[in-house]
């Protein structure tokens, strides 16, 4: 279980780093994104382990990384665009 959790946290940080590289202007500070990915995986590993059981290490890690990806995706800001308002509004 500890090895699953550690590998999930490492993959969560790698996922966060990849998100920072691909979406540099749409994410908050680097420290926030990396911490969110690590904490999402840290939360996801025991959750998936309790759902799947002890015989599914690979599925546990994959599920934990998916939870980390969802958590990091919540930090993405929308693209900045100007809303044109009519004069009547």
PDB file of N, CA and C in Angstrom:
ATOM      1  N   UNK A   1       0.827  -1.196   0.000  1.00  0.00           N
ATOM      2  CA  UNK A   1       0.000   0.000   0.000  1.00  0.00           C
ATOM      3  C   UNK A   1       0.867   1.254   0.000  1.00  0.00           C
ATOM      4  N   UNK A   2       1.964   1.222   0.723  1.00  0.00           N
ATOM      5  CA  UNK A   2       2.832   2.405   0.766  1.00  0.00           C
ATOM      6  C   UNK A   2       3.484   2.635  -0.589  1.00  0.00           C
ATOM      7  N   UNK A   3       3.894   1.567  -1.248  1.00  0.00           N
ATOM      8  CA  UNK A   3       4.496   1.707  -2.574  1.00  0.00           C
ATOM      9  C   UNK A   3       3.480   2.228  -3.591  1.00  0.00           C
ATOM     10  N   UNK A   4       2.247   1.780  -3.485  1.00  0.00           N
ATOM     11  CA  UNK A   4       1.190   2.292  -4.367  1.00  0.00           C
ATOM     12  C   UNK A   4       0.983   3.783  -4.148  1.00  0.00           C
ATOM     13  N   UNK A   5       0.949   4.185  -2.887  1.00  0.00           N
ATOM     14  CA  UNK A   5       0.717   5.592  -2.564  1.00  0.00           C
ATOM     15  C   UNK A   5       1.869   6.459  -3.047  1.00  0.00           C
ATOM     16  N   UNK A   6       3.102   6.020  -2.805  1.00  0.00           N
ATOM     17  CA  UNK A   6       4.261   6.801  -3.242  1.00  0.00           C
ATOM     18  C   UNK A   6       4.335   6.909  -4.762  1.00  0.00           C
ATOM     19  N   UNK A   7       4.058   5.820  -5.450  1.00  0.00           N
ATOM     20  CA  UNK A   7       4.094   5.891  -6.914  1.00  0.00           C
ATOM     21  C   UNK A   7       2.959   6.759  -7.447  1.00  0.00           C
ATOM     22  N   UNK A   8       1.806   6.737  -6.793  1.00  0.00           N
ATOM     23  CA  UNK A   8       0.705   7.594  -7.220  1.00  0.00           C
ATOM     24  C   UNK A   8       1.043   9.063  -7.002  1.00  0.00           C
ATOM     25  N   UNK A   9       1.693   9.385  -5.890  1.00  0.00           N
ATOM     26  CA  UNK A   9       2.075  10.775  -5.624  1.00  0.00           C
ATOM     27  C   UNK A   9       3.100  11.252  -6.649  1.00  0.00           C
ATOM     28  N   UNK A  10       4.075  10.421  -6.966  1.00  0.00           N
ATOM     29  CA  UNK A  10       5.080  10.796  -7.968  1.00  0.00           C
ATOM     30  C   UNK A  10       4.416  11.018  -9.328  1.00  0.00           C
ATOM     31  N   UNK A  11       3.518  10.125  -9.707  1.00  0.00           N
ATOM     32  CA  UNK A  11       2.818  10.300 -10.984  1.00  0.00           C
ATOM     33  C   UNK A  11       1.876  11.507 -10.950  1.00  0.00           C
ATOM     34  N   UNK A  12       1.316  11.822  -9.792  1.00  0.00           N
ATOM     35  CA  UNK A  12       0.491  13.023  -9.665  1.00  0.00           C
ATOM     36  C   UNK A  12       1.299  14.294  -9.863  1.00  0.00           C
ATOM     37  N   UNK A  13       2.521  14.310  -9.338  1.00  0.00           N
ATOM     38  CA  UNK A  13       3.409  15.465  -9.535  1.00  0.00           C
ATOM     39  C   UNK A  13       3.830  15.560 -11.002  1.00  0.00           C
ATOM     40  N   UNK A  14       4.111  14.437 -11.632  1.00  0.00           N
ATOM     41  CA  UNK A  14       4.471  14.437 -13.058  1.00  0.00           C
ATOM     42  C   UNK A  14       3.295  14.932 -13.898  1.00  0.00           C
ATOM     43  N   UNK A  15       2.101  14.502 -13.560  1.00  0.00           N
ATOM     44  CA  UNK A  15       0.910  14.971 -14.258  1.00  0.00           C
ATOM     45  C   UNK A  15       0.734  16.484 -14.080  1.00  0.00           C
ATOM     46  N   UNK A  16       0.950  16.976 -12.886  1.00  0.00           N
ATOM     47  CA  UNK A  16       0.840  18.414 -12.626  1.00  0.00           C
ATOM     48  C   UNK A  16       1.893  19.188 -13.402  1.00  0.00           C
ATOM     49  N   UNK A  17       3.090  18.652 -13.462  1.00  0.00           N
ATOM     50  CA  UNK A  17       4.161  19.309 -14.211  1.00  0.00           C
ATOM     51  C   UNK A  17       3.801  19.374 -15.696  1.00  0.00           C
ATOM     52  N   UNK A  18       3.240  18.268 -16.227  1.00  0.00           N
ATOM     53  CA  UNK A  18       2.830  18.261 -17.632  1.00  0.00           C
ATOM     54  C   UNK A  18       1.707  19.269 -17.882  1.00  0.00           C
ATOM     55  N   UNK A  19       0.803  19.407 -16.928  1.00  0.00           N
ATOM     56  CA  UNK A  19      -0.270  20.397 -17.077  1.00  0.00           C
ATOM     57  C   UNK A  19       0.308  21.810 -17.054  1.00  0.00           C
ATOM     58  N   UNK A  20       1.289  22.047 -16.218  1.00  0.00           N
ATOM     59  CA  UNK A  20       1.932  23.367 -16.178  1.00  0.00           C
ATOM     60  C   UNK A  20       2.651  23.674 -17.484  1.00  0.00           C
ATOM     61  N   UNK A  21       3.248  22.667 -18.080  1.00  0.00           N
ATOM     62  CA  UNK A  21       3.959  22.875 -19.347  1.00  0.00           C
ATOM     63  C   UNK A  21       3.000  23.111 -20.510  1.00  0.00           C
ATOM     64  N   UNK A  22       1.848  22.445 -20.495  1.00  0.00           N
ATOM     65  CA  UNK A  22       0.944  22.566 -21.634  1.00  0.00           C
ATOM     66  C   UNK A  22      -0.055  23.717 -21.496  1.00  0.00           C
ATOM     67  N   UNK A  23      -0.351  24.148 -20.283  1.00  0.00           N
ATOM     68  CA  UNK A  23      -1.305  25.242 -20.051  1.00  0.00           C
ATOM     69  C   UNK A  23      -0.685  26.304 -19.147  1.00  0.00           C
ATOM     70  N   UNK A  24       0.364  26.979 -19.582  1.00  0.00           N
ATOM     71  CA  UNK A  24       1.092  27.866 -18.662  1.00  0.00           C
ATOM     72  C   UNK A  24       0.297  29.082 -18.205  1.00  0.00           C
ATOM     73  N   UNK A  25      -0.551  29.647 -19.043  1.00  0.00           N
ATOM     74  CA  UNK A  25      -1.253  30.861 -18.663  1.00  0.00           C
ATOM     75  C   UNK A  25      -2.595  30.635 -17.999  1.00  0.00           C
ATOM     76  N   UNK A  26      -3.047  29.393 -17.968  1.00  0.00           N
ATOM     77  CA  UNK A  26      -4.390  29.123 -17.464  1.00  0.00           C
ATOM     78  C   UNK A  26      -4.409  28.451 -16.106  1.00  0.00           C
ATOM     79  N   UNK A  27      -3.254  28.277 -15.489  1.00  0.00           N
ATOM     80  CA  UNK A  27      -3.178  27.651 -14.174  1.00  0.00           C
ATOM     81  C   UNK A  27      -2.607  28.639 -13.159  1.00  0.00           C
ATOM     82  N   UNK A  28      -2.943  28.469 -11.886  1.00  0.00           N
ATOM     83  CA  UNK A  28      -2.377  29.360 -10.866  1.00  0.00           C
ATOM     84  C   UNK A  28      -0.890  29.064 -10.633  1.00  0.00           C
ATOM     85  N   UNK A  29      -0.382  29.474  -9.523  1.00  0.00           N
ATOM     86  CA  UNK A  29       1.049  29.353  -9.221  1.00  0.00           C
ATOM     87  C   UNK A  29       1.519  27.894  -9.290  1.00  0.00           C
ATOM     88  N   UNK A  30       2.769  27.735  -9.656  1.00  0.00           N
ATOM     89  CA  UNK A  30       3.376  26.413  -9.826  1.00  0.00           C
ATOM     90  C   UNK A  30       3.267  25.566  -8.559  1.00  0.00           C
ATOM     91  N   UNK A  31       3.527  26.171  -7.429  1.00  0.00           N
ATOM     92  CA  UNK A  31       3.490  25.451  -6.154  1.00  0.00           C
ATOM     93  C   UNK A  31       2.083  24.928  -5.867  1.00  0.00           C
ATOM     94  N   UNK A  32       1.083  25.709  -6.200  1.00  0.00           N
ATOM     95  CA  UNK A  32      -0.304  25.299  -5.980  1.00  0.00           C
ATOM     96  C   UNK A  32      -0.668  24.106  -6.851  1.00  0.00           C
ATOM     97  N   UNK A  33      -0.270  24.147  -8.103  1.00  0.00           N
ATOM     98  CA  UNK A  33      -0.617  23.067  -9.035  1.00  0.00           C
ATOM     99  C   UNK A  33       0.098  21.776  -8.658  1.00  0.00           C
ATOM    100  N   UNK A  34       1.381  21.863  -8.342  1.00  0.00           N
ATOM    101  CA  UNK A  34       2.122  20.659  -7.956  1.00  0.00           C
ATOM    102  C   UNK A  34       1.588  20.069  -6.660  1.00  0.00           C
ATOM    103  N   UNK A  35       1.255  20.925  -5.716  1.00  0.00           N
ATOM    104  CA  UNK A  35       0.684  20.441  -4.458  1.00  0.00           C
ATOM    105  C   UNK A  35      -0.679  19.810  -4.645  1.00  0.00           C
ATOM    106  N   UNK A  36      -1.478  20.387  -5.522  1.00  0.00           N
ATOM    107  CA  UNK A  36      -2.808  19.833  -5.783  1.00  0.00           C
ATOM    108  C   UNK A  36      -2.713  18.463  -6.446  1.00  0.00           C
ATOM    109  N   UNK A  37      -1.790  18.307  -7.377  1.00  0.00           N
ATOM    110  CA  UNK A  37      -1.616  17.000  -8.018  1.00  0.00           C
ATOM    111  C   UNK A  37      -1.150  15.944  -7.032  1.00  0.00           C
ATOM    112  N   UNK A  38      -0.213  16.315  -6.176  1.00  0.00           N
ATOM    113  CA  UNK A  38       0.293  15.364  -5.181  1.00  0.00           C
ATOM    114  C   UNK A  38      -0.783  15.006  -4.162  1.00  0.00           C
ATOM    115  N   UNK A  39      -1.518  16.014  -3.692  1.00  0.00           N
ATOM    116  CA  UNK A  39      -2.557  15.736  -2.697  1.00  0.00           C
ATOM    117  C   UNK A  39      -3.743  14.983  -3.294  1.00  0.00           C
ATOM    118  N   UNK A  40      -4.057  15.257  -4.552  1.00  0.00           N
ATOM    119  CA  UNK A  40      -5.115  14.490  -5.208  1.00  0.00           C
ATOM    120  C   UNK A  40      -4.760  13.023  -5.321  1.00  0.00           C
ATOM    121  N   UNK A  41      -3.517  12.741  -5.667  1.00  0.00           N
ATOM    122  CA  UNK A  41      -3.071  11.348  -5.745  1.00  0.00           C
ATOM    123  C   UNK A  41      -2.959  10.722  -4.360  1.00  0.00           C
ATOM    124  N   UNK A  42      -2.541  11.517  -3.391  1.00  0.00           N
ATOM    125  CA  UNK A  42      -2.429  11.013  -2.019  1.00  0.00           C
ATOM    126  C   UNK A  42      -3.808  10.668  -1.458  1.00  0.00           C
ATOM    127  N   UNK A  43      -4.817  11.429  -1.820  1.00  0.00           N
ATOM    128  CA  UNK A  43      -6.187  11.117  -1.420  1.00  0.00           C
ATOM    129  C   UNK A  43      -6.735   9.950  -2.243  1.00  0.00           C
ATOM    130  N   UNK A  44      -6.389   9.908  -3.513  1.00  0.00           N
ATOM    131  CA  UNK A  44      -6.938   8.896  -4.403  1.00  0.00           C
ATOM    132  C   UNK A  44      -6.403   7.494  -4.174  1.00  0.00           C
ATOM    133  N   UNK A  45      -5.161   7.364  -3.736  1.00  0.00           N
ATOM    134  CA  UNK A  45      -4.576   6.034  -3.555  1.00  0.00           C
ATOM    135  C   UNK A  45      -5.296   5.222  -2.474  1.00  0.00           C
ATOM    136  N   UNK A  46      -5.485   5.750  -1.268  1.00  0.00           N
ATOM    137  CA  UNK A  46      -6.230   4.945  -0.283  1.00  0.00           C
ATOM    138  C   UNK A  46      -7.697   4.741  -0.666  1.00  0.00           C
ATOM    139  N   UNK A  47      -8.277   5.728  -1.337  1.00  0.00           N
ATOM    140  CA  UNK A  47      -9.662   5.592  -1.777  1.00  0.00           C
ATOM    141  C   UNK A  47      -9.803   4.437  -2.770  1.00  0.00           C
ATOM    142  N   UNK A  48      -8.928   4.415  -3.766  1.00  0.00           N
ATOM    143  CA  UNK A  48      -8.982   3.335  -4.755  1.00  0.00           C
ATOM    144  C   UNK A  48      -8.604   1.989  -4.138  1.00  0.00           C
ATOM    145  N   UNK A  49      -7.666   2.000  -3.197  1.00  0.00           N
ATOM    146  CA  UNK A  49      -7.273   0.753  -2.537  1.00  0.00           C
ATOM    147  C   UNK A  49      -8.441   0.177  -1.743  1.00  0.00           C
ATOM    148  N   UNK A  50      -9.200   1.046  -1.086  1.00  0.00           N
ATOM    149  CA  UNK A  50     -10.342   0.553  -0.317  1.00  0.00           C
ATOM    150  C   UNK A  50     -11.478   0.095  -1.237  1.00  0.00           C
ATOM    151  N   UNK A  51     -11.577   0.687  -2.421  1.00  0.00           N
ATOM    152  CA  UNK A  51     -12.624   0.279  -3.357  1.00  0.00           C
ATOM    153  C   UNK A  51     -12.282  -1.023  -4.085  1.00  0.00           C
ATOM    154  N   UNK A  52     -11.021  -1.164  -4.478  1.00  0.00           N
ATOM    155  CA  UNK A  52     -10.629  -2.304  -5.313  1.00  0.00           C
ATOM    156  C   UNK A  52     -10.094  -3.492  -4.526  1.00  0.00           C
ATOM    157  N   UNK A  53      -9.507  -3.243  -3.392  1.00  0.00           N
ATOM    158  CA  UNK A  53      -8.906  -4.323  -2.615  1.00  0.00           C
ATOM    159  C   UNK A  53      -7.398  -4.353  -2.793  1.00  0.00           C
ATOM    160  N   UNK A  54      -6.787  -5.319  -2.130  1.00  0.00           N
ATOM    161  CA  UNK A  54      -5.327  -5.337  -2.082  1.00  0.00           C
ATOM    162  C   UNK A  54      -4.670  -6.004  -3.283  1.00  0.00           C
ATOM    163  N   UNK A  55      -5.381  -6.662  -4.139  1.00  0.00           N
ATOM    164  CA  UNK A  55      -4.760  -7.381  -5.247  1.00  0.00           C
ATOM    165  C   UNK A  55      -4.645  -6.599  -6.535  1.00  0.00           C
ATOM    166  N   UNK A  56      -4.990  -5.324  -6.525  1.00  0.00           N
ATOM    167  CA  UNK A  56      -5.036  -4.553  -7.761  1.00  0.00           C
ATOM    168  C   UNK A  56      -4.155  -3.316  -7.664  1.00  0.00           C
ATOM    169  N   UNK A  57      -2.855  -3.517  -7.586  1.00  0.00           N
ATOM    170  CA  UNK A  57      -1.938  -2.391  -7.380  1.00  0.00           C
ATOM    171  C   UNK A  57      -1.922  -1.445  -8.576  1.00  0.00           C
ATOM    172  N   UNK A  58      -1.864  -1.987  -9.775  1.00  0.00           N
ATOM    173  CA  UNK A  58      -1.807  -1.134 -10.968  1.00  0.00           C
ATOM    174  C   UNK A  58      -3.090  -0.330 -11.140  1.00  0.00           C
ATOM    175  N   UNK A  59      -4.215  -0.958 -10.949  1.00  0.00           N
ATOM    176  CA  UNK A  59      -5.492  -0.252 -11.068  1.00  0.00           C
ATOM    177  C   UNK A  59      -5.629   0.808  -9.982  1.00  0.00           C
ATOM    178  N   UNK A  60      -5.080   0.543  -8.803  1.00  0.00           N
ATOM    179  CA  UNK A  60      -5.121   1.520  -7.721  1.00  0.00           C
ATOM    180  C   UNK A  60      -4.334   2.762  -8.092  1.00  0.00           C
ATOM    181  N   UNK A  61      -3.146   2.571  -8.650  1.00  0.00           N
ATOM    182  CA  UNK A  61      -2.309   3.706  -9.038  1.00  0.00           C
ATOM    183  C   UNK A  61      -2.953   4.481 -10.185  1.00  0.00           C
ATOM    184  N   UNK A  62      -3.498   3.780 -11.158  1.00  0.00           N
ATOM    185  CA  UNK A  62      -4.156   4.443 -12.286  1.00  0.00           C
ATOM    186  C   UNK A  62      -5.358   5.249 -11.802  1.00  0.00           C
ATOM    187  N   UNK A  63      -6.155   4.670 -10.918  1.00  0.00           N
ATOM    188  CA  UNK A  63      -7.298   5.389 -10.372  1.00  0.00           C
ATOM    189  C   UNK A  63      -6.889   6.601  -9.561  1.00  0.00           C
ATOM    190  N   UNK A  64      -5.810   6.485  -8.799  1.00  0.00           N
ATOM    191  CA  UNK A  64      -5.323   7.615  -8.009  1.00  0.00           C
ATOM    192  C   UNK A  64      -4.833   8.743  -8.915  1.00  0.00           C
ATOM    193  N   UNK A  65      -4.174   8.393 -10.004  1.00  0.00           N
ATOM    194  CA  UNK A  65      -3.704   9.423 -10.938  1.00  0.00           C
ATOM    195  C   UNK A  65      -4.890  10.073 -11.649  1.00  0.00           C
ATOM    196  N   UNK A  66      -5.922   9.317 -11.931  1.00  0.00           N
ATOM    197  CA  UNK A  66      -7.126   9.909 -12.519  1.00  0.00           C
ATOM    198  C   UNK A  66      -7.791  10.894 -11.550  1.00  0.00           C
ATOM    199  N   UNK A  67      -7.816  10.559 -10.289  1.00  0.00           N
ATOM    200  CA  UNK A  67      -8.358  11.481  -9.287  1.00  0.00           C
ATOM    201  C   UNK A  67      -7.490  12.735  -9.202  1.00  0.00           C
ATOM    202  N   UNK A  68      -6.172  12.568  -9.288  1.00  0.00           N
ATOM    203  CA  UNK A  68      -5.275  13.727  -9.298  1.00  0.00           C
ATOM    204  C   UNK A  68      -5.514  14.589 -10.536  1.00  0.00           C
ATOM    205  N   UNK A  69      -5.768  13.961 -11.673  1.00  0.00           N
ATOM    206  CA  UNK A  69      -6.028  14.717 -12.905  1.00  0.00           C
ATOM    207  C   UNK A  69      -7.317  15.523 -12.788  1.00  0.00           C
ATOM    208  N   UNK A  70      -8.327  14.939 -12.202  1.00  0.00           N
ATOM    209  CA  UNK A  70      -9.579  15.662 -12.005  1.00  0.00           C
ATOM    210  C   UNK A  70      -9.363  16.834 -11.055  1.00  0.00           C
ATOM    211  N   UNK A  71      -8.591  16.612 -10.009  1.00  0.00           N
ATOM    212  CA  UNK A  71      -8.327  17.676  -9.037  1.00  0.00           C
ATOM    213  C   UNK A  71      -7.551  18.824  -9.677  1.00  0.00           C
ATOM    214  N   UNK A  72      -6.555  18.508 -10.484  1.00  0.00           N
ATOM    215  CA  UNK A  72      -5.784  19.555 -11.159  1.00  0.00           C
ATOM    216  C   UNK A  72      -6.647  20.265 -12.192  1.00  0.00           C
ATOM    217  N   UNK A  73      -7.537  19.546 -12.840  1.00  0.00           N
ATOM    218  CA  UNK A  73      -8.383  20.185 -13.854  1.00  0.00           C
ATOM    219  C   UNK A  73      -9.330  21.216 -13.243  1.00  0.00           C
ATOM    220  N   UNK A  74      -9.623  21.090 -11.975  1.00  0.00           N
ATOM    221  CA  UNK A  74     -10.467  22.084 -11.312  1.00  0.00           C
ATOM    222  C   UNK A  74      -9.766  23.431 -11.160  1.00  0.00           C
ATOM    223  N   UNK A  75      -8.449  23.456 -11.311  1.00  0.00           N
ATOM    224  CA  UNK A  75      -7.693  24.699 -11.174  1.00  0.00           C
ATOM    225  C   UNK A  75      -7.603  25.494 -12.474  1.00  0.00           C
ATOM    226  N   UNK A  76      -7.982  24.901 -13.592  1.00  0.00           N
ATOM    227  CA  UNK A  76      -7.823  25.562 -14.888  1.00  0.00           C
ATOM    228  C   UNK A  76      -8.775  26.743 -14.982  1.00  0.00           C
ATOM    229  N   UNK A  77      -8.225  27.879 -15.322  1.00  0.00           N
ATOM    230  CA  UNK A  77      -9.023  29.092 -15.501  1.00  0.00           C
ATOM    231  C   UNK A  77      -9.537  29.152 -16.935  1.00  0.00           C
ATOM    232  N   UNK A  78     -10.683  29.769 -17.137  1.00  0.00           N
ATOM    233  CA  UNK A  78     -11.157  29.914 -18.519  1.00  0.00           C
ATOM    234  C   UNK A  78     -10.275  30.882 -19.287  1.00  0.00           C
ATOM    235  N   UNK A  79     -10.310  30.756 -20.594  1.00  0.00           N
ATOM    236  CA  UNK A  79      -9.548  31.683 -21.433  1.00  0.00           C
ATOM    237  C   UNK A  79     -10.101  33.076 -21.244  1.00  0.00           C
ATOM    238  N   UNK A  80      -9.201  34.043 -21.231  1.00  0.00           N
ATOM    239  CA  UNK A  80      -9.671  35.415 -21.051  1.00  0.00           C
ATOM    240  C   UNK A  80     -10.280  35.906 -22.355  1.00  0.00           C
ATOM    241  N   UNK A  81     -11.472  36.356 -22.264  1.00  0.00           N
ATOM    242  CA  UNK A  81     -12.143  36.910 -23.437  1.00  0.00           C
ATOM    243  C   UNK A  81     -13.019  38.058 -22.945  1.00  0.00           C
ATOM    244  N   UNK A  82     -13.184  38.996 -23.772  1.00  0.00           N
ATOM    245  CA  UNK A  82     -13.978  40.155 -23.417  1.00  0.00           C
ATOM    246  C   UNK A  82     -15.420  39.910 -23.817  1.00  0.00           C
ATOM    247  N   UNK A  83     -16.299  40.231 -22.922  1.00  0.00           N
ATOM    248  CA  UNK A  83     -17.710  40.115 -23.228  1.00  0.00           C
ATOM    249  C   UNK A  83     -18.191  41.454 -23.764  1.00  0.00           C
ATOM    250  N   UNK A  84     -18.798  41.411 -24.901  1.00  0.00           N
ATOM    251  CA  UNK A  84     -19.361  42.636 -25.482  1.00  0.00           C
ATOM    252  C   UNK A  84     -20.774  42.813 -24.958  1.00  0.00           C
ATOM    253  N   UNK A  85     -20.978  43.885 -24.268  1.00  0.00           N
ATOM    254  CA  UNK A  85     -22.311  44.169 -23.742  1.00  0.00           C
ATOM    255  C   UNK A  85     -22.957  45.239 -24.588  1.00  0.00           C
ATOM    256  N   UNK A  86     -24.214  45.065 -24.777  1.00  0.00           N
ATOM    257  CA  UNK A  86     -24.919  46.056 -25.587  1.00  0.00           C
ATOM    258  C   UNK A  86     -25.191  47.295 -24.745  1.00  0.00           C
ATOM    259  N   UNK A  87     -25.489  48.381 -25.420  1.00  0.00           N
ATOM    260  CA  UNK A  87     -25.755  49.631 -24.717  1.00  0.00           C
ATOM    261  C   UNK A  87     -27.079  49.569 -23.964  1.00  0.00           C
ATOM    262  N   UNK A  88     -27.975  48.697 -24.361  1.00  0.00           N
ATOM    263  CA  UNK A  88     -29.283  48.598 -23.704  1.00  0.00           C
ATOM    264  C   UNK A  88     -29.187  47.881 -22.371  1.00  0.00           C
ATOM    265  N   UNK A  89     -28.149  47.134 -22.164  1.00  0.00           N
ATOM    266  CA  UNK A  89     -28.049  46.348 -20.938  1.00  0.00           C
ATOM    267  C   UNK A  89     -27.617  47.111 -19.755  1.00  0.00           C
TER     268      UNK A  89
END
